[in-house]
Amino acid sequence: MAVRLLKVSSVATAVIASSGFYLYSKNVDFNDLSIVRFGRAAATTAVISYDYLTTLRDVQYGTEEYWAVKSKVHRRSAERLRTCVV
């Protein structure tokens, strides 16, 4: 089992390293890679979700304070999404 794991990890390392060298030699903008864009979007989504969960947790639903706080969270989330796309 350990020998197979070593072989698989060695092949994976070689593939990743050679891909990196290839992309570096072609002067590829890493922000154009789909995995980078997906990772950035996933991280932004996680931050926004956490912001909603923590901010709205202590406020009672339906009150004026709730709607004001929710509006602020919406604003912050929109700003985060705007900077994520750029």
Protein backbone atom coordinates (compact mmCIF):
# COMPACT_ATOMS: atom_id res chain seq x y z
CA MET A 1 0.00 0.00 0.00
CA ALA A 2 2.80 2.41 0.90
CA VAL A 3 4.65 1.64 -2.35
CA ARG A 4 1.53 2.36 -4.39
CA LEU A 5 0.95 5.62 -2.52
CA LEU A 6 4.55 6.62 -3.16
CA LYS A 7 4.18 5.89 -6.89
CA VAL A 8 0.92 7.82 -7.19
CA SER A 9 2.25 10.80 -5.27
CA SER A 10 5.44 10.81 -7.36
CA VAL A 11 3.47 10.80 -10.61
CA ALA A 12 1.13 13.52 -9.33
CA THR A 13 4.08 15.66 -8.26
CA ALA A 14 5.74 15.21 -11.65
CA VAL A 15 2.55 16.13 -13.51
CA ILE A 16 1.92 19.21 -11.37
CA ALA A 17 5.53 20.36 -11.58
CA SER A 18 5.74 19.89 -15.34
CA SER A 19 2.43 21.70 -15.79
CA GLY A 20 3.74 24.56 -13.68
CA PHE A 21 6.95 24.81 -15.68
CA TYR A 22 5.02 24.72 -18.94
CA LEU A 23 2.63 27.45 -17.85
CA TYR A 24 5.51 29.55 -16.51
CA SER A 25 7.41 29.26 -19.78
CA LYS A 26 4.35 30.35 -21.78
CA ASN A 27 3.85 33.45 -19.59
CA VAL A 28 0.30 32.44 -18.76
CA ASP A 29 -1.65 34.77 -16.48
CA PHE A 30 -2.62 32.53 -13.58
CA ASN A 31 -5.74 34.61 -12.97
CA ASP A 32 -7.08 33.27 -16.27
CA LEU A 33 -6.94 29.67 -15.07
CA SER A 34 -10.31 28.19 -14.18
CA ILE A 35 -9.07 26.58 -10.98
CA VAL A 36 -7.82 29.94 -9.71
CA ARG A 37 -11.10 31.66 -10.56
CA PHE A 38 -13.07 28.83 -8.96
CA GLY A 39 -10.96 28.98 -5.81
CA ARG A 40 -11.35 32.74 -5.57
CA ALA A 41 -15.13 32.46 -6.01
CA ALA A 42 -15.39 29.65 -3.45
CA ALA A 43 -13.37 31.59 -0.88
CA THR A 44 -15.46 34.73 -1.42
CA THR A 45 -18.67 32.71 -1.08
CA ALA A 46 -17.44 31.20 2.18
CA VAL A 47 -16.57 34.63 3.59
CA ILE A 48 -19.95 36.05 2.58
CA SER A 49 -21.82 33.09 4.10
CA TYR A 50 -19.87 33.40 7.33
CA ASP A 51 -20.63 37.14 7.44
CA TYR A 52 -24.37 36.51 7.09
CA LEU A 53 -24.35 33.74 9.70
CA THR A 54 -22.43 35.65 12.33
CA THR A 55 -23.97 39.07 11.79
CA LEU A 56 -27.62 38.05 11.69
CA ARG A 57 -27.34 35.45 14.46
CA ASP A 58 -27.79 37.94 17.32
CA VAL A 59 -30.57 40.03 15.76
CA GLN A 60 -34.24 39.13 16.02
CA TYR A 61 -35.93 38.55 12.66
CA GLY A 62 -38.44 41.16 11.53
CA THR A 63 -37.24 44.07 13.64
CA GLU A 64 -36.00 47.37 12.23
CA GLU A 65 -32.52 46.54 13.49
CA TYR A 66 -32.61 43.24 11.57
CA TRP A 67 -33.40 44.95 8.27
CA ALA A 68 -30.74 47.60 8.84
CA VAL A 69 -28.09 45.02 9.69
CA LYS A 70 -29.12 42.85 6.75
CA SER A 71 -28.82 45.83 4.43
CA LYS A 72 -25.27 46.45 5.67
CA VAL A 73 -24.39 42.78 5.12
CA HIS A 74 -25.84 42.99 1.60
CA ARG A 75 -23.65 46.02 0.91
CA ARG A 76 -20.49 44.31 2.21
CA SER A 77 -21.31 41.18 0.21
CA ALA A 78 -21.80 43.17 -2.98
CA GLU A 79 -18.44 44.88 -2.44
CA ARG A 80 -16.75 41.52 -1.91
CA LEU A 81 -18.29 40.10 -5.07
CA ARG A 82 -17.29 43.17 -7.05
CA THR A 83 -13.67 42.88 -5.95
CA CYS A 84 -13.68 39.13 -6.55
CA VAL A 85 -14.55 39.54 -10.23
CA VAL A 86 -11.87 42.13 -10.93
